[in-house]
Amino acid sequence: LFQPIVDINTFELMGYEALTRGPLNTEFETPLMLFALAEETGLVFELDRLCRKRAILNAKNIDPNLMLFINTLPTSIQDPSFRGKFLKEILNDIKLAPENLVFEITERSAIDNFPVFKEAVDYYTDIGVAIAIDDTGAGYSSLESIIELKPTFLKFDINMVKDIDKSFIKKEMLKTLKAMAKNINAKVIAEGIQTVEELHTLREHEHPPPDLLNA
């Protein structure tokens, strides 16, 4: 599935986030259950690789001028078989430039070997691929790691967005995140806005250049 990402002020379509789903009408349709099973059977790495590959191939009919956001585990971004010739060929197949590809690293996952992980991230950013930190505000990664990675996007976790209009603490967390994003020249994406009140609250905190949001 592909979820649109739009500009918070103009509602212009900026790109899509690829979302993985398992077999329809089964308990494994949700990615949480699917990856839980993969973890139990020692196949998380293989499943994550497959999801990345299918996300790119299934984006073939999407406007190549838009951004494509793909989730990946910290361990999987080091996958040597997903680099070089393979990545170039798969992007050429759907006519997507590396500059329009964004890998989302979830903050919920710990990064065990940061130097090795950083080296893998540098490979992708050197060829133009952007990095997003997913679930910011709901995970365990240190702020130092975010600063070191210098991601292009910081995604404000959906649980922080929910009822933000009613929560002083969530509003303050958003202010902190936006200040950090400004320091590293990143944009903030608010995940899963559901109400007009949430939208208005987020727009009140908006400063140029426009941020993005998931609609």
C-alpha atoms as a PDB file:
ATOM      1  CA  LEU A   1       0.000   0.000   0.000  1.00  0.00           C
ATOM      2  CA  PHE A   2       1.118   3.580  -0.601  1.00  0.00           C
ATOM      3  CA  GLN A   3       0.195   6.360   1.811  1.00  0.00           C
ATOM      4  CA  PRO A   4       0.387   9.927   0.465  1.00  0.00           C
ATOM      5  CA  ILE A   5       2.649  12.564   2.033  1.00  0.00           C
ATOM      6  CA  VAL A   6       1.480  16.113   1.411  1.00  0.00           C
ATOM      7  CA  ASP A   7       2.588  19.650   2.167  1.00  0.00           C
ATOM      8  CA  ILE A   8       0.910  20.903   5.342  1.00  0.00           C
ATOM      9  CA  ASN A   9       0.147  24.338   3.893  1.00  0.00           C
ATOM     10  CA  THR A  10      -0.672  23.716   0.235  1.00  0.00           C
ATOM     11  CA  PHE A  11      -1.731  20.031   0.438  1.00  0.00           C
ATOM     12  CA  GLU A  12       0.445  19.429  -2.609  1.00  0.00           C
ATOM     13  CA  LEU A  13       1.393  15.773  -3.017  1.00  0.00           C
ATOM     14  CA  MET A  14       5.086  15.328  -2.179  1.00  0.00           C
ATOM     15  CA  GLY A  15       5.470  11.551  -2.208  1.00  0.00           C
ATOM     16  CA  TYR A  16       4.308   8.222  -0.811  1.00  0.00           C
ATOM     17  CA  GLU A  17       5.270   5.925   2.026  1.00  0.00           C
ATOM     18  CA  ALA A  18       5.228   2.238   1.104  1.00  0.00           C
ATOM     19  CA  LEU A  19       3.366   0.141   3.685  1.00  0.00           C
ATOM     20  CA  THR A  20       3.768  -3.621   3.925  1.00  0.00           C
ATOM     21  CA  ARG A  21       0.758  -5.894   4.382  1.00  0.00           C
ATOM     22  CA  GLY A  22       0.629  -9.664   4.685  1.00  0.00           C
ATOM     23  CA  PRO A  23      -1.982 -12.061   3.265  1.00  0.00           C
ATOM     24  CA  LEU A  24      -5.424 -10.430   3.187  1.00  0.00           C
ATOM     25  CA  ASN A  25      -7.927 -11.436   5.902  1.00  0.00           C
ATOM     26  CA  THR A  26      -5.344 -13.341   7.936  1.00  0.00           C
ATOM     27  CA  GLU A  27      -3.754 -12.586  11.291  1.00  0.00           C
ATOM     28  CA  PHE A  28      -0.543 -11.796   9.424  1.00  0.00           C
ATOM     29  CA  GLU A  29      -2.073  -9.010   7.354  1.00  0.00           C
ATOM     30  CA  THR A  30      -0.679  -6.405   9.778  1.00  0.00           C
ATOM     31  CA  PRO A  31       3.089  -5.803   9.590  1.00  0.00           C
ATOM     32  CA  LEU A  32       3.458  -6.165  13.369  1.00  0.00           C
ATOM     33  CA  MET A  33       2.182  -9.754  13.285  1.00  0.00           C
ATOM     34  CA  LEU A  34       4.081 -10.505  10.089  1.00  0.00           C
ATOM     35  CA  PHE A  35       7.412  -9.318  11.482  1.00  0.00           C
ATOM     36  CA  ALA A  36       6.719 -10.968  14.852  1.00  0.00           C
ATOM     37  CA  LEU A  37       6.426 -14.308  13.067  1.00  0.00           C
ATOM     38  CA  ALA A  38       9.588 -13.575  11.084  1.00  0.00           C
ATOM     39  CA  GLU A  39      11.436 -12.824  14.310  1.00  0.00           C
ATOM     40  CA  GLU A  40      10.273 -16.104  15.856  1.00  0.00           C
ATOM     41  CA  THR A  41      11.540 -18.032  12.830  1.00  0.00           C
ATOM     42  CA  GLY A  42      14.771 -16.068  12.369  1.00  0.00           C
ATOM     43  CA  LEU A  43      13.689 -14.555   9.051  1.00  0.00           C
ATOM     44  CA  VAL A  44      13.434 -10.845   9.892  1.00  0.00           C
ATOM     45  CA  PHE A  45      16.375  -9.906   7.673  1.00  0.00           C
ATOM     46  CA  GLU A  46      14.966 -11.835   4.703  1.00  0.00           C
ATOM     47  CA  LEU A  47      11.449 -10.421   5.195  1.00  0.00           C
ATOM     48  CA  ASP A  48      12.731  -6.862   5.432  1.00  0.00           C
ATOM     49  CA  ARG A  49      14.776  -7.341   2.246  1.00  0.00           C
ATOM     50  CA  LEU A  50      11.712  -8.717   0.443  1.00  0.00           C
ATOM     51  CA  CYS A  51       9.537  -5.815   1.646  1.00  0.00           C
ATOM     52  CA  ARG A  52      12.057  -3.248   0.379  1.00  0.00           C
ATOM     53  CA  LYS A  53      12.292  -4.958  -3.000  1.00  0.00           C
ATOM     54  CA  ARG A  54       8.528  -5.298  -3.436  1.00  0.00           C
ATOM     55  CA  ALA A  55       7.915  -1.711  -2.294  1.00  0.00           C
ATOM     56  CA  ILE A  56      10.194  -0.376  -5.031  1.00  0.00           C
ATOM     57  CA  LEU A  57       8.869  -2.688  -7.748  1.00  0.00           C
ATOM     58  CA  ASN A  58       5.233  -1.968  -6.833  1.00  0.00           C
ATOM     59  CA  ALA A  59       5.915   1.772  -7.113  1.00  0.00           C
ATOM     60  CA  LYS A  60       6.439   1.390 -10.854  1.00  0.00           C
ATOM     61  CA  ASN A  61       3.303   3.356 -11.779  1.00  0.00           C
ATOM     62  CA  ILE A  62       3.900   6.191  -9.312  1.00  0.00           C
ATOM     63  CA  ASP A  63       5.127   9.539 -10.632  1.00  0.00           C
ATOM     64  CA  PRO A  64       8.956   9.197 -10.531  1.00  0.00           C
ATOM     65  CA  ASN A  65       9.248  12.882  -9.642  1.00  0.00           C
ATOM     66  CA  LEU A  66       7.649  12.192  -6.249  1.00  0.00           C
ATOM     67  CA  MET A  67       9.513  10.806  -3.239  1.00  0.00           C
ATOM     68  CA  LEU A  68       9.203   7.161  -2.240  1.00  0.00           C
ATOM     69  CA  PHE A  69       9.614   6.419   1.477  1.00  0.00           C
ATOM     70  CA  ILE A  70      10.520   2.834   2.393  1.00  0.00           C
ATOM     71  CA  ASN A  71      10.902   1.435   5.908  1.00  0.00           C
ATOM     72  CA  THR A  72      13.997  -0.586   6.706  1.00  0.00           C
ATOM     73  CA  LEU A  73      15.488  -2.075   9.855  1.00  0.00           C
ATOM     74  CA  PRO A  74      18.892  -0.759  11.030  1.00  0.00           C
ATOM     75  CA  THR A  75      20.431  -4.184  10.434  1.00  0.00           C
ATOM     76  CA  SER A  76      18.950  -4.471   6.949  1.00  0.00           C
ATOM     77  CA  ILE A  77      20.315  -1.187   5.683  1.00  0.00           C
ATOM     78  CA  GLN A  78      23.729  -2.885   5.831  1.00  0.00           C
ATOM     79  CA  ASP A  79      22.547  -5.563   3.386  1.00  0.00           C
ATOM     80  CA  PRO A  80      25.380  -5.793   0.794  1.00  0.00           C
ATOM     81  CA  SER A  81      23.116  -7.437  -1.784  1.00  0.00           C
ATOM     82  CA  PHE A  82      20.878  -4.374  -1.919  1.00  0.00           C
ATOM     83  CA  ARG A  83      23.608  -1.989  -3.007  1.00  0.00           C
ATOM     84  CA  GLY A  84      25.512  -1.247  -6.193  1.00  0.00           C
ATOM     85  CA  LYS A  85      24.339  -2.856  -9.405  1.00  0.00           C
ATOM     86  CA  PHE A  86      21.156  -4.345  -7.912  1.00  0.00           C
ATOM     87  CA  LEU A  87      19.905  -1.035  -6.528  1.00  0.00           C
ATOM     88  CA  LYS A  88      20.798   0.804  -9.732  1.00  0.00           C
ATOM     89  CA  GLU A  89      18.955  -1.720 -11.885  1.00  0.00           C
ATOM     90  CA  ILE A  90      15.818  -1.791  -9.742  1.00  0.00           C
ATOM     91  CA  LEU A  91      15.629   2.011  -9.674  1.00  0.00           C
ATOM     92  CA  ASN A  92      16.195   2.193 -13.426  1.00  0.00           C
ATOM     93  CA  ASP A  93      13.362  -0.301 -13.895  1.00  0.00           C
ATOM     94  CA  ILE A  94      10.831   2.050 -12.299  1.00  0.00           C
ATOM     95  CA  LYS A  95      12.609   5.203 -13.542  1.00  0.00           C
ATOM     96  CA  LEU A  96      13.177   6.494 -10.008  1.00  0.00           C
ATOM     97  CA  ALA A  97      16.274   8.580  -9.270  1.00  0.00           C
ATOM     98  CA  PRO A  98      18.184   7.838  -6.025  1.00  0.00           C
ATOM     99  CA  GLU A  99      17.400  11.430  -4.985  1.00  0.00           C
ATOM    100  CA  ASN A 100      13.701  10.501  -4.852  1.00  0.00           C
ATOM    101  CA  LEU A 101      14.232   7.470  -2.611  1.00  0.00           C
ATOM    102  CA  VAL A 102      14.015   7.778   1.186  1.00  0.00           C
ATOM    103  CA  PHE A 103      14.919   5.009   3.625  1.00  0.00           C
ATOM    104  CA  GLU A 104      13.064   5.252   6.935  1.00  0.00           C
ATOM    105  CA  ILE A 105      14.958   3.973   9.971  1.00  0.00           C
ATOM    106  CA  THR A 106      12.692   3.320  12.920  1.00  0.00           C
ATOM    107  CA  GLU A 107      13.771   4.903  16.200  1.00  0.00           C
ATOM    108  CA  ARG A 108      12.116   2.021  18.054  1.00  0.00           C
ATOM    109  CA  SER A 109      14.974  -0.277  17.015  1.00  0.00           C
ATOM    110  CA  ALA A 110      18.314  -0.118  18.730  1.00  0.00           C
ATOM    111  CA  ILE A 111      21.431   0.361  16.608  1.00  0.00           C
ATOM    112  CA  ASP A 112      23.926  -2.169  17.968  1.00  0.00           C
ATOM    113  CA  ASN A 113      27.029  -1.149  16.033  1.00  0.00           C
ATOM    114  CA  PHE A 114      26.691   2.520  15.226  1.00  0.00           C
ATOM    115  CA  PRO A 115      29.994   2.974  13.294  1.00  0.00           C
ATOM    116  CA  VAL A 116      29.134   0.097  10.935  1.00  0.00           C
ATOM    117  CA  PHE A 117      25.568   1.350  10.602  1.00  0.00           C
ATOM    118  CA  LYS A 118      26.770   4.890   9.886  1.00  0.00           C
ATOM    119  CA  GLU A 119      29.083   3.568   7.160  1.00  0.00           C
ATOM    120  CA  ALA A 120      26.124   1.858   5.462  1.00  0.00           C
ATOM    121  CA  VAL A 121      24.012   5.018   5.735  1.00  0.00           C
ATOM    122  CA  ASP A 122      26.838   7.085   4.242  1.00  0.00           C
ATOM    123  CA  TYR A 123      26.900   4.794   1.205  1.00  0.00           C
ATOM    124  CA  TYR A 124      23.267   5.569   0.424  1.00  0.00           C
ATOM    125  CA  THR A 125      23.447   9.289   1.152  1.00  0.00           C
ATOM    126  CA  ASP A 126      26.554   9.553  -1.062  1.00  0.00           C
ATOM    127  CA  ILE A 127      24.529   8.329  -4.049  1.00  0.00           C
ATOM    128  CA  GLY A 128      21.640  10.670  -3.241  1.00  0.00           C
ATOM    129  CA  VAL A 129      19.279   8.519  -1.162  1.00  0.00           C
ATOM    130  CA  ALA A 130      17.731  10.443   1.737  1.00  0.00           C
ATOM    131  CA  ILE A 131      17.295   9.148   5.298  1.00  0.00           C
ATOM    132  CA  ALA A 132      14.274   9.585   7.560  1.00  0.00           C
ATOM    133  CA  ILE A 133      14.065   8.720  11.264  1.00  0.00           C
ATOM    134  CA  ASP A 134      10.695   7.060  11.884  1.00  0.00           C
ATOM    135  CA  ASP A 135       8.667   7.121  15.133  1.00  0.00           C
ATOM    136  CA  THR A 136      10.657  10.050  16.527  1.00  0.00           C
ATOM    137  CA  GLY A 137       9.544  10.733  20.070  1.00  0.00           C
ATOM    138  CA  ALA A 138       8.458   7.163  20.747  1.00  0.00           C
ATOM    139  CA  GLY A 139      11.712   5.210  20.509  1.00  0.00           C
ATOM    140  CA  TYR A 140      14.978   4.543  22.251  1.00  0.00           C
ATOM    141  CA  SER A 141      17.636   6.074  20.033  1.00  0.00           C
ATOM    142  CA  SER A 142      19.678   8.903  21.484  1.00  0.00           C
ATOM    143  CA  LEU A 143      19.459  12.430  20.154  1.00  0.00           C
ATOM    144  CA  GLU A 144      23.184  12.120  19.468  1.00  0.00           C
ATOM    145  CA  SER A 145      22.500   9.357  16.949  1.00  0.00           C
ATOM    146  CA  ILE A 146      19.969  11.521  15.133  1.00  0.00           C
ATOM    147  CA  ILE A 147      22.405  14.425  14.994  1.00  0.00           C
ATOM    148  CA  GLU A 148      25.187  12.130  13.710  1.00  0.00           C
ATOM    149  CA  LEU A 149      23.007  10.643  10.956  1.00  0.00           C
ATOM    150  CA  LYS A 150      21.775  14.071   9.843  1.00  0.00           C
ATOM    151  CA  PRO A 151      18.525  12.706   8.383  1.00  0.00           C
ATOM    152  CA  THR A 152      16.589  14.677   5.792  1.00  0.00           C
ATOM    153  CA  PHE A 153      13.304  13.923   7.556  1.00  0.00           C
ATOM    154  CA  LEU A 154      12.174  13.384  11.154  1.00  0.00           C
ATOM    155  CA  LYS A 155       8.813  11.653  11.458  1.00  0.00           C
ATOM    156  CA  PHE A 156       6.780  12.738  14.485  1.00  0.00           C
ATOM    157  CA  ASP A 157       5.252   9.525  15.857  1.00  0.00           C
ATOM    158  CA  ILE A 158       1.520   8.958  15.330  1.00  0.00           C
ATOM    159  CA  ASN A 159       0.991   8.562  19.079  1.00  0.00           C
ATOM    160  CA  MET A 160       2.454  12.029  19.571  1.00  0.00           C
ATOM    161  CA  VAL A 161       0.198  13.460  16.852  1.00  0.00           C
ATOM    162  CA  LYS A 162      -2.984  11.897  18.266  1.00  0.00           C
ATOM    163  CA  ASP A 163      -4.915  14.528  20.270  1.00  0.00           C
ATOM    164  CA  ILE A 164      -1.950  16.900  20.183  1.00  0.00           C
ATOM    165  CA  ASP A 165      -4.442  19.752  20.339  1.00  0.00           C
ATOM    166  CA  LYS A 166      -5.381  18.591  23.863  1.00  0.00           C
ATOM    167  CA  SER A 167      -1.877  17.905  25.197  1.00  0.00           C
ATOM    168  CA  PHE A 168       0.557  20.552  26.407  1.00  0.00           C
ATOM    169  CA  ILE A 169       3.344  17.940  26.656  1.00  0.00           C
ATOM    170  CA  LYS A 170       2.898  16.773  23.055  1.00  0.00           C
ATOM    171  CA  LYS A 171       2.959  20.371  21.853  1.00  0.00           C
ATOM    172  CA  GLU A 172       6.212  20.950  23.747  1.00  0.00           C
ATOM    173  CA  MET A 173       7.703  17.764  22.287  1.00  0.00           C
ATOM    174  CA  LEU A 174       6.811  19.019  18.819  1.00  0.00           C
ATOM    175  CA  LYS A 175       8.564  22.314  19.542  1.00  0.00           C
ATOM    176  CA  THR A 176      11.677  20.408  20.633  1.00  0.00           C
ATOM    177  CA  LEU A 177      11.608  18.206  17.545  1.00  0.00           C
ATOM    178  CA  LYS A 178      11.193  21.169  15.217  1.00  0.00           C
ATOM    179  CA  ALA A 179      14.086  22.986  16.881  1.00  0.00           C
ATOM    180  CA  MET A 180      16.290  19.928  16.437  1.00  0.00           C
ATOM    181  CA  ALA A 181      15.151  19.540  12.818  1.00  0.00           C
ATOM    182  CA  LYS A 182      16.067  23.146  12.145  1.00  0.00           C
ATOM    183  CA  ASN A 183      19.563  22.582  13.557  1.00  0.00           C
ATOM    184  CA  ILE A 184      20.228  19.687  11.175  1.00  0.00           C
ATOM    185  CA  ASN A 185      18.330  21.183   8.222  1.00  0.00           C
ATOM    186  CA  ALA A 186      15.671  18.452   8.291  1.00  0.00           C
ATOM    187  CA  LYS A 187      11.923  18.530   7.697  1.00  0.00           C
ATOM    188  CA  VAL A 188       9.315  17.168  10.097  1.00  0.00           C
ATOM    189  CA  ILE A 189       6.607  14.762   8.960  1.00  0.00           C
ATOM    190  CA  ALA A 190       3.594  14.383  11.248  1.00  0.00           C
ATOM    191  CA  GLU A 191       2.220  10.855  11.036  1.00  0.00           C
ATOM    192  CA  GLY A 192      -1.443   9.928  10.847  1.00  0.00           C
ATOM    193  CA  ILE A 193      -3.329  13.198  11.285  1.00  0.00           C
ATOM    194  CA  GLN A 194      -6.972  12.275  11.856  1.00  0.00           C
ATOM    195  CA  THR A 195      -8.794  15.432  12.962  1.00  0.00           C
ATOM    196  CA  VAL A 196      -9.083  19.057  11.912  1.00  0.00           C
ATOM    197  CA  GLU A 197      -8.022  20.067  15.436  1.00  0.00           C
ATOM    198  CA  GLU A 198      -4.777  18.102  15.139  1.00  0.00           C
ATOM    199  CA  LEU A 199      -4.108  19.684  11.748  1.00  0.00           C
ATOM    200  CA  HIS A 200      -4.736  23.221  13.027  1.00  0.00           C
ATOM    201  CA  THR A 201      -2.448  22.667  16.010  1.00  0.00           C
ATOM    202  CA  LEU A 202       0.352  21.397  13.789  1.00  0.00           C
ATOM    203  CA  ARG A 203      -0.077  24.291  11.378  1.00  0.00           C
ATOM    204  CA  GLU A 204       0.181  26.734  14.289  1.00  0.00           C
ATOM    205  CA  HIS A 205       3.680  25.393  14.920  1.00  0.00           C
ATOM    206  CA  GLU A 206       4.648  25.632  11.249  1.00  0.00           C
ATOM    207  CA  HIS A 207       7.437  27.934  10.154  1.00  0.00           C
ATOM    208  CA  PRO A 208       8.957  28.326   6.673  1.00  0.00           C
ATOM    209  CA  PRO A 209      10.203  26.368   4.860  1.00  0.00           C
ATOM    210  CA  PRO A 210       7.001  24.272   4.848  1.00  0.00           C
ATOM    211  CA  ASP A 211       7.192  20.917   6.596  1.00  0.00           C
ATOM    212  CA  LEU A 212       5.447  17.812   5.362  1.00  0.00           C
ATOM    213  CA  LEU A 213       2.748  15.686   6.872  1.00  0.00           C
ATOM    214  CA  ASN A 214       1.131  12.344   6.276  1.00  0.00           C
ATOM    215  CA  ALA A 215      -2.511  12.875   5.309  1.00  0.00           C
END
